[in-house]
Amino acid sequence: MLIKRIITASILATLIALAVFLLPIEYFSLAIGLVILVAAWEWTNLASVNSVLIKVGFLVVLILPMLGIHFWTQILELVAQLVDWPDIRDYSGALEWLVIPPVIFWIVMMILIRNAPTGVINIKLKTRYKLFIGWFVLISAWMFLSRLKAFYGPEMTMYFFILIWVADIAAYFSGRKWGVAKLAPEISPGKTVAGMYGALVSGLVSAICLNLYNLKYGFNPLIATDFILISVLTVLVSIYGDLFISVVKRQRGVKDSGSLLPGHGGVLDRIDSLLAAAPFFYGCIYFIYRLVE
């Protein structure tokens, strides 16, 4: 099982690295979008949707705003020409503030899962609310992963992926070595407090490595400290993104969201940490750059 997981993870990591460094932003967004749509299909299963029509409708409801977000600047330009409203171009940066709702959502989920795991599991939501939550989580992750590469480049994007991957590996091995106390046994019995601390330490180490790499551009102690804090907090949020998807699977009574990826389950199982971490990481990077400017 471990060998199968390693092989699958290695292939996926290679494909993602190639996409980050070789694909133009338009094709990168498309590639990430396709992954999100597969995860969305799996989400409909977790939300107990059996109708193919509703499943397809859910995908359409994701695709349309993706197109709107992707062509946001062009849409503003078109509106400016049609209604003679040149000032509307000033709203080109308005999408940045959309990072606030998902960040708040994930912070709230962290607090709820940490303090009332049983209560979270026992929450009964109607299917339409589950679909809305899935739509919100998935489109937020796609949007801010795409914008991370578009505005902060492939190196920052690759650092984000490496940060989450290394944290996942560190959590696994530190949990196996020292894991005794369970992190959230009601939700995911396999996760341990030692695993969480291992992941957080890996975030610290990743940030230090990034700062050492950035020495060639000069050293700014404030930015270096900020990146350490951002990295550790992003890893913490990613852990609860994983637990959130575990809650949804436990409510549905399944172990995995799908079976597409050998050794890992479904696509949603593989990107659960990224769903929470992407908007949080992007929001932190955005506001730090705003402060520096």
Protein backbone atom coordinates (compact mmCIF):
# COMPACT_ATOMS: atom_id res chain seq x y z
CA MET A 1 0.00 0.00 0.00
CA LEU A 2 2.81 2.43 0.91
CA ILE A 3 4.68 1.66 -2.32
CA LYS A 4 1.51 2.31 -4.32
CA ARG A 5 1.02 5.63 -2.51
CA ILE A 6 4.61 6.67 -3.18
CA ILE A 7 4.39 5.83 -6.90
CA THR A 8 1.11 7.69 -7.33
CA ALA A 9 2.32 10.69 -5.31
CA SER A 10 5.57 10.85 -7.32
CA ILE A 11 3.70 10.88 -10.62
CA LEU A 12 1.30 13.54 -9.39
CA ALA A 13 4.12 15.70 -8.00
CA THR A 14 5.99 15.51 -11.32
CA LEU A 15 2.90 16.50 -13.29
CA ILE A 16 2.18 19.41 -10.96
CA ALA A 17 5.77 20.65 -11.13
CA LEU A 18 5.67 20.53 -14.94
CA ALA A 19 2.35 22.40 -14.95
CA VAL A 20 3.64 25.07 -12.57
CA PHE A 21 6.85 25.79 -14.50
CA LEU A 22 5.94 25.04 -18.10
CA LEU A 23 2.28 25.92 -18.59
CA PRO A 24 1.18 29.51 -19.29
CA ILE A 25 -1.24 30.82 -16.69
CA GLU A 26 -4.27 30.17 -18.94
CA TYR A 27 -3.44 26.48 -19.31
CA PHE A 28 -2.37 26.17 -15.69
CA SER A 29 -5.77 27.52 -14.61
CA LEU A 30 -7.44 25.10 -16.99
CA ALA A 31 -5.46 22.15 -15.62
CA ILE A 32 -6.27 23.08 -12.03
CA GLY A 33 -9.88 23.63 -13.06
CA LEU A 34 -10.15 20.12 -14.47
CA VAL A 35 -8.81 18.68 -11.21
CA ILE A 36 -11.33 20.75 -9.27
CA LEU A 37 -14.18 19.51 -11.48
CA VAL A 38 -13.22 15.88 -10.83
CA ALA A 39 -13.16 16.67 -7.11
CA ALA A 40 -16.53 18.38 -7.50
CA TRP A 41 -18.01 15.21 -8.99
CA GLU A 42 -16.73 13.30 -5.97
CA TRP A 43 -18.21 15.95 -3.69
CA THR A 44 -21.67 15.35 -5.16
CA ASN A 45 -21.32 11.71 -4.14
CA LEU A 46 -20.38 12.73 -0.60
CA ALA A 47 -23.38 15.06 -0.59
CA SER A 48 -25.63 12.07 -1.43
CA VAL A 49 -26.55 13.34 -4.89
CA ASN A 50 -27.68 10.48 -7.12
CA SER A 51 -29.13 12.42 -10.04
CA VAL A 52 -26.71 12.75 -12.97
CA LEU A 53 -28.54 15.91 -14.02
CA ILE A 54 -27.88 17.56 -10.66
CA LYS A 55 -24.25 16.41 -10.75
CA VAL A 56 -23.75 17.97 -14.19
CA GLY A 57 -25.58 21.10 -13.06
CA PHE A 58 -23.20 21.40 -10.13
CA LEU A 59 -20.23 21.28 -12.51
CA VAL A 60 -21.82 23.95 -14.71
CA VAL A 61 -22.38 26.19 -11.69
CA LEU A 62 -18.66 25.87 -10.99
CA ILE A 63 -17.53 26.41 -14.58
CA LEU A 64 -19.48 29.63 -15.19
CA PRO A 65 -17.94 31.67 -12.35
CA MET A 66 -14.53 30.18 -13.22
CA LEU A 67 -14.89 31.70 -16.67
CA GLY A 68 -16.07 35.00 -15.18
CA ILE A 69 -13.11 35.15 -12.80
CA HIS A 70 -10.62 34.16 -15.49
CA PHE A 71 -11.87 36.81 -17.91
CA TRP A 72 -12.60 39.42 -15.23
CA THR A 73 -10.29 42.10 -16.66
CA GLN A 74 -11.60 41.58 -20.18
CA ILE A 75 -15.17 41.79 -18.90
CA LEU A 76 -14.43 45.13 -17.23
CA GLU A 77 -12.86 46.41 -20.44
CA LEU A 78 -15.93 45.37 -22.42
CA VAL A 79 -18.31 47.03 -19.94
CA ALA A 80 -16.20 50.20 -20.03
CA GLN A 81 -16.56 50.34 -23.80
CA LEU A 82 -20.26 49.50 -23.90
CA VAL A 83 -21.47 51.96 -21.26
CA ASP A 84 -18.67 54.55 -21.48
CA TRP A 85 -17.60 53.99 -17.88
CA PRO A 86 -13.78 54.06 -17.87
CA ASP A 87 -13.59 54.14 -14.06
CA ILE A 88 -14.93 50.60 -13.90
CA ARG A 89 -11.39 49.46 -14.73
CA ASP A 90 -10.49 50.49 -11.18
CA TYR A 91 -12.39 47.40 -10.01
CA SER A 92 -9.84 45.06 -11.60
CA GLY A 93 -8.38 44.36 -8.16
CA ALA A 94 -11.71 43.81 -6.46
CA LEU A 95 -11.39 40.04 -6.72
CA GLU A 96 -8.47 40.08 -4.28
CA TRP A 97 -10.83 40.83 -1.43
CA LEU A 98 -12.77 37.65 -2.16
CA VAL A 99 -10.01 35.84 -0.28
CA ILE A 100 -11.48 37.03 3.03
CA PRO A 101 -14.62 34.78 3.12
CA PRO A 102 -12.74 31.47 2.56
CA VAL A 103 -10.07 32.44 5.09
CA ILE A 104 -12.76 33.19 7.67
CA PHE A 105 -14.55 29.95 6.78
CA TRP A 106 -11.45 27.84 7.36
CA ILE A 107 -10.57 29.58 10.61
CA VAL A 108 -14.10 28.94 11.88
CA MET A 109 -13.90 25.30 10.78
CA MET A 110 -10.59 24.91 12.59
CA ILE A 111 -12.12 26.22 15.80
CA LEU A 112 -15.21 24.03 15.50
CA ILE A 113 -13.31 20.84 14.63
CA ARG A 114 -10.78 21.47 17.38
CA ASN A 115 -13.29 22.24 20.12
CA ALA A 116 -16.39 20.26 19.14
CA PRO A 117 -15.46 17.40 16.77
CA THR A 118 -18.45 15.24 17.72
CA GLY A 119 -20.81 18.15 17.25
CA VAL A 120 -19.39 18.85 13.80
CA ILE A 121 -19.84 15.22 12.76
CA ASN A 122 -23.43 15.21 13.96
CA ILE A 123 -24.42 18.34 12.03
CA LYS A 124 -27.21 17.44 9.61
CA LEU A 125 -27.32 19.61 6.51
CA LYS A 126 -29.66 19.45 3.57
CA THR A 127 -28.12 18.42 0.28
CA ARG A 128 -28.36 21.90 -1.21
CA TYR A 129 -26.32 23.35 1.67
CA LYS A 130 -23.69 20.64 1.27
CA LEU A 131 -23.48 21.47 -2.43
CA PHE A 132 -23.10 25.16 -1.68
CA ILE A 133 -20.29 24.52 0.80
CA GLY A 134 -18.56 22.29 -1.75
CA TRP A 135 -18.96 24.93 -4.46
CA PHE A 136 -17.55 27.63 -2.17
CA VAL A 137 -14.57 25.55 -1.05
CA LEU A 138 -13.67 24.26 -4.51
CA ILE A 139 -13.97 27.51 -6.43
CA SER A 140 -12.00 29.37 -3.76
CA ALA A 141 -9.13 26.89 -4.00
CA TRP A 142 -9.09 27.07 -7.80
CA MET A 143 -9.27 30.86 -7.85
CA PHE A 144 -6.40 31.51 -5.47
CA LEU A 145 -4.14 28.77 -6.79
CA SER A 146 -4.54 30.29 -10.25
CA ARG A 147 -3.92 33.81 -8.97
CA LEU A 148 -0.93 32.68 -6.95
CA LYS A 149 0.87 31.68 -10.13
CA ALA A 150 -0.49 34.61 -12.14
CA PHE A 151 0.66 37.31 -9.71
CA TYR A 152 3.50 35.74 -7.68
CA GLY A 153 5.06 33.41 -10.20
CA PRO A 154 5.86 29.72 -10.54
CA GLU A 155 8.52 29.70 -7.80
CA MET A 156 6.10 30.90 -5.11
CA THR A 157 3.45 28.50 -6.41
CA MET A 158 5.87 25.59 -6.31
CA TYR A 159 6.92 26.55 -2.79
CA PHE A 160 3.29 26.37 -1.72
CA PHE A 161 2.89 22.85 -3.12
CA ILE A 162 6.19 21.69 -1.59
CA LEU A 163 5.18 23.18 1.76
CA ILE A 164 1.99 21.10 1.85
CA TRP A 165 3.62 17.93 0.50
CA VAL A 166 6.50 18.04 2.97
CA ALA A 167 4.06 18.67 5.82
CA ASP A 168 2.00 15.67 4.76
CA ILE A 169 5.09 13.43 4.68
CA ALA A 170 6.37 14.76 8.00
CA ALA A 171 2.99 14.21 9.64
CA TYR A 172 2.87 10.62 8.41
CA PHE A 173 6.31 9.58 9.60
CA SER A 174 6.36 11.54 12.88
CA GLY A 175 2.92 10.15 13.64
CA ARG A 176 4.10 6.60 13.04
CA LYS A 177 7.25 7.14 15.11
CA TRP A 178 5.94 9.09 18.10
CA GLY A 179 2.18 9.18 17.70
CA VAL A 180 0.30 8.20 20.83
CA ALA A 181 -2.21 10.95 21.57
CA LYS A 182 -4.87 11.26 18.87
CA LEU A 183 -5.53 14.64 17.29
CA ALA A 184 -9.21 14.12 16.49
CA PRO A 185 -10.10 10.44 17.06
CA GLU A 186 -13.81 11.03 16.45
CA ILE A 187 -13.03 12.29 12.95
CA SER A 188 -9.81 10.63 11.82
CA PRO A 189 -8.35 8.01 14.20
CA GLY A 190 -5.10 7.83 12.26
CA LYS A 191 -4.07 11.42 12.89
CA THR A 192 -1.97 12.13 15.96
CA VAL A 193 -0.77 15.16 17.88
CA ALA A 194 2.82 14.12 17.14
CA GLY A 195 1.96 14.06 13.44
CA MET A 196 0.59 17.59 13.67
CA TYR A 197 3.73 18.85 15.41
CA GLY A 198 5.89 17.09 12.84
CA ALA A 199 3.98 18.88 10.08
CA LEU A 200 4.36 22.25 11.81
CA VAL A 201 8.10 21.73 12.25
CA SER A 202 8.35 20.88 8.56
CA GLY A 203 6.63 24.18 7.78
CA LEU A 204 9.26 25.97 9.84
CA VAL A 205 12.08 24.14 8.07
CA SER A 206 10.55 24.81 4.64
CA ALA A 207 10.33 28.53 5.39
CA ILE A 208 13.94 28.65 6.58
CA CYS A 209 15.03 26.92 3.37
CA LEU A 210 13.07 29.46 1.34
CA ASN A 211 14.70 32.33 3.21
CA LEU A 212 18.15 30.86 2.56
CA TYR A 213 17.27 30.54 -1.13
CA ASN A 214 16.13 34.17 -1.19
CA LEU A 215 19.44 35.42 0.22
CA LYS A 216 20.58 35.99 -3.35
CA TYR A 217 17.95 38.75 -3.54
CA GLY A 218 19.04 40.30 -0.25
CA PHE A 219 17.86 39.71 3.30
CA ASN A 220 14.87 41.38 4.90
CA PRO A 221 14.39 40.11 8.48
CA LEU A 222 10.76 41.25 8.61
CA ILE A 223 9.80 39.42 5.41
CA ALA A 224 11.80 36.36 6.49
CA THR A 225 9.94 36.24 9.80
CA ASP A 226 6.62 36.75 8.04
CA PHE A 227 7.30 33.81 5.72
CA ILE A 228 8.11 31.56 8.64
CA LEU A 229 4.85 32.51 10.35
CA ILE A 230 2.84 32.18 7.13
CA SER A 231 4.31 28.77 6.36
CA VAL A 232 3.61 27.33 9.80
CA LEU A 233 0.07 28.72 9.89
CA THR A 234 -0.62 27.50 6.36
CA VAL A 235 0.41 23.99 7.38
CA LEU A 236 -1.87 24.22 10.42
CA VAL A 237 -4.81 25.26 8.24
CA SER A 238 -4.03 22.46 5.77
CA ILE A 239 -4.30 19.88 8.56
CA TYR A 240 -7.82 21.04 9.33
CA GLY A 241 -8.69 21.06 5.64
CA ASP A 242 -7.85 17.37 5.69
CA LEU A 243 -9.97 16.87 8.81
CA PHE A 244 -12.86 18.79 7.26
CA ILE A 245 -13.02 16.40 4.30
CA SER A 246 -12.75 13.52 6.78
CA VAL A 247 -15.83 14.89 8.54
CA VAL A 248 -17.76 14.92 5.26
CA LYS A 249 -16.67 11.36 4.46
CA ARG A 250 -17.56 10.15 7.94
CA GLN A 251 -21.02 11.70 7.63
CA ARG A 252 -21.46 9.87 4.34
CA GLY A 253 -20.09 6.64 5.81
CA VAL A 254 -17.23 6.15 3.34
CA LYS A 255 -13.46 5.85 3.76
CA ASP A 256 -12.44 7.56 0.51
CA SER A 257 -14.06 10.12 -1.77
CA GLY A 258 -13.33 7.93 -4.78
CA SER A 259 -10.94 5.37 -6.23
CA LEU A 260 -9.30 7.22 -9.11
CA LEU A 261 -5.84 7.47 -7.54
CA PRO A 262 -4.24 4.14 -6.52
CA GLY A 263 -3.23 4.16 -2.87
CA HIS A 264 -4.84 7.54 -2.23
CA GLY A 265 -8.52 7.09 -3.00
CA GLY A 266 -10.14 9.94 -4.87
CA VAL A 267 -8.93 13.32 -6.09
CA LEU A 268 -10.66 14.99 -3.16
CA ASP A 269 -8.66 12.79 -0.79
CA ARG A 270 -5.46 14.01 -2.39
CA ILE A 271 -6.23 17.76 -2.47
CA ASP A 272 -8.10 18.10 0.84
CA SER A 273 -5.21 19.94 2.51
CA LEU A 274 -4.75 22.22 -0.50
CA LEU A 275 -8.40 23.29 -0.47
CA ALA A 276 -7.99 25.02 2.87
CA ALA A 277 -4.37 26.10 2.49
CA ALA A 278 -4.59 27.79 -0.93
CA PRO A 279 -6.81 30.78 -0.05
CA PHE A 280 -5.11 31.19 3.34
CA PHE A 281 -1.60 31.21 1.85
CA TYR A 282 -2.62 33.53 -0.97
CA GLY A 283 -4.33 35.95 1.41
CA CYS A 284 -1.26 36.13 3.63
CA ILE A 285 1.10 36.67 0.69
CA TYR A 286 -1.20 39.33 -0.79
CA PHE A 287 -1.46 41.38 2.37
CA ILE A 288 2.25 41.11 3.14
CA TYR A 289 3.11 42.43 -0.32
CA ARG A 290 0.58 45.22 0.19
CA LEU A 291 2.30 46.20 3.44
CA VAL A 292 5.73 46.12 1.82
CA GLU A 293 4.54 48.36 -0.99
